[in-house]
Amino acid sequence: MKIEQDIISEKFSELRSLIVEYAKQEIRDPLKALTKWLSLGLLGMLFLSVGAGLGALGILRLLQNEVSLFDDSLSFIPYVLVFVTLLFVIGISLKALRKGQ
């Protein structure tokens, strides 16, 4: 009777450790990989956004300072051109994103 209880206790202990190891393998490890992938993606998005913003600002300053056509009553045109350019870049990015799916 005592030996049977020890065997049953040992089997339950083995089953518990097997379930814990399986849960670690199937839940924790994929979550670690997902977290790493997501953090690198967000960091890349941040860098690309900052780069696009600084590039747009540079183009705006270039148009304002170097092109004399945009003086006085046409001073709003550089803003419109930069805005349209950014919309174009966003459109191309979304198209590429959808194509990748």
Protein backbone atom coordinates (compact mmCIF):
# COMPACT_ATOMS: atom_id res chain seq x y z
CA MET A 1 0.00 0.00 0.00
CA LYS A 2 2.80 2.39 0.93
CA ILE A 3 4.76 1.46 -2.19
CA GLU A 4 1.71 2.11 -4.41
CA GLN A 5 1.25 5.58 -2.85
CA ASP A 6 4.92 6.36 -3.46
CA ILE A 7 4.60 5.25 -7.08
CA ILE A 8 1.44 7.34 -7.56
CA SER A 9 3.10 10.34 -5.87
CA GLU A 10 6.15 9.93 -8.09
CA LYS A 11 3.97 9.72 -11.22
CA PHE A 12 2.07 12.90 -10.25
CA SER A 13 5.35 14.69 -9.58
CA GLU A 14 6.68 13.58 -12.95
CA LEU A 15 3.45 14.66 -14.66
CA ARG A 16 3.62 18.07 -12.97
CA SER A 17 7.21 18.65 -14.05
CA LEU A 18 6.36 17.52 -17.59
CA ILE A 19 3.44 19.97 -17.77
CA VAL A 20 5.60 22.82 -16.42
CA GLU A 21 8.34 22.15 -18.98
CA TYR A 22 5.79 21.94 -21.78
CA ALA A 23 4.23 25.24 -20.73
CA LYS A 24 7.64 26.90 -20.70
CA GLN A 25 8.43 25.53 -24.14
CA GLU A 26 5.11 26.44 -25.74
CA ILE A 27 4.32 29.74 -23.99
CA ARG A 28 7.36 31.46 -22.53
CA ASP A 29 9.84 30.87 -25.35
CA PRO A 30 7.53 32.10 -28.16
CA LEU A 31 6.61 35.14 -26.06
CA LYS A 32 10.29 35.97 -25.65
CA ALA A 33 10.80 35.76 -29.41
CA LEU A 34 7.69 37.88 -30.04
CA THR A 35 8.84 40.51 -27.56
CA LYS A 36 12.24 40.76 -29.23
CA TRP A 37 10.71 40.96 -32.71
CA LEU A 38 8.18 43.58 -31.60
CA SER A 39 10.75 45.75 -29.82
CA LEU A 40 13.06 45.74 -32.85
CA GLY A 41 10.14 46.60 -35.12
CA LEU A 42 9.07 49.51 -32.93
CA LEU A 43 12.63 50.78 -32.74
CA GLY A 44 12.92 50.62 -36.53
CA MET A 45 9.62 52.45 -36.90
CA LEU A 46 10.86 55.18 -34.56
CA PHE A 47 14.10 55.62 -36.50
CA LEU A 48 12.31 55.71 -39.87
CA SER A 49 9.74 58.21 -38.59
CA VAL A 50 12.38 60.54 -37.18
CA GLY A 51 14.41 60.25 -40.38
CA ALA A 52 11.40 61.01 -42.57
CA GLY A 53 10.48 63.98 -40.39
CA LEU A 54 13.98 65.42 -40.50
CA GLY A 55 14.20 64.81 -44.24
CA ALA A 56 10.88 66.60 -44.77
CA LEU A 57 12.06 69.48 -42.62
CA GLY A 58 15.26 69.69 -44.65
CA ILE A 59 13.36 69.75 -47.94
CA LEU A 60 11.05 72.44 -46.55
CA ARG A 61 13.97 74.63 -45.47
CA LEU A 62 15.68 74.08 -48.83
CA LEU A 63 12.58 75.18 -50.73
CA GLN A 64 12.05 78.20 -48.48
CA ASN A 65 15.62 79.47 -48.62
CA GLU A 66 16.85 78.60 -52.09
CA VAL A 67 13.85 78.98 -54.40
CA SER A 68 12.91 82.64 -54.81
CA LEU A 69 9.69 81.71 -56.61
CA PHE A 70 8.09 80.88 -53.24
CA ASP A 71 8.42 84.38 -51.77
CA ASP A 72 5.57 86.62 -50.63
CA SER A 73 2.15 85.36 -51.76
CA LEU A 74 3.36 81.86 -52.71
CA SER A 75 5.09 81.10 -49.40
CA PHE A 76 2.58 78.33 -48.61
CA ILE A 77 3.61 76.19 -51.61
CA PRO A 78 6.70 74.59 -49.96
CA TYR A 79 4.47 73.35 -47.13
CA VAL A 80 2.01 71.86 -49.61
CA LEU A 81 4.81 70.21 -51.61
CA VAL A 82 6.38 68.66 -48.50
CA PHE A 83 2.97 67.50 -47.25
CA VAL A 84 2.15 65.87 -50.59
CA THR A 85 5.59 64.24 -50.64
CA LEU A 86 5.03 62.80 -47.16
CA LEU A 87 1.61 61.50 -48.20
CA PHE A 88 3.23 59.85 -51.22
CA VAL A 89 5.86 58.17 -49.01
CA ILE A 90 3.16 56.97 -46.60
CA GLY A 91 1.13 55.59 -49.51
CA ILE A 92 4.10 53.67 -50.90
CA SER A 93 4.87 52.32 -47.43
CA LEU A 94 1.31 51.09 -46.92
CA LYS A 95 1.28 49.50 -50.37
CA ALA A 96 4.53 47.67 -49.61
CA LEU A 97 3.17 46.57 -46.23
CA ARG A 98 0.01 45.14 -47.78
CA LYS A 99 2.01 43.41 -50.51
CA GLY A 100 4.14 41.70 -47.86
CA GLN A 101 1.09 40.14 -46.23
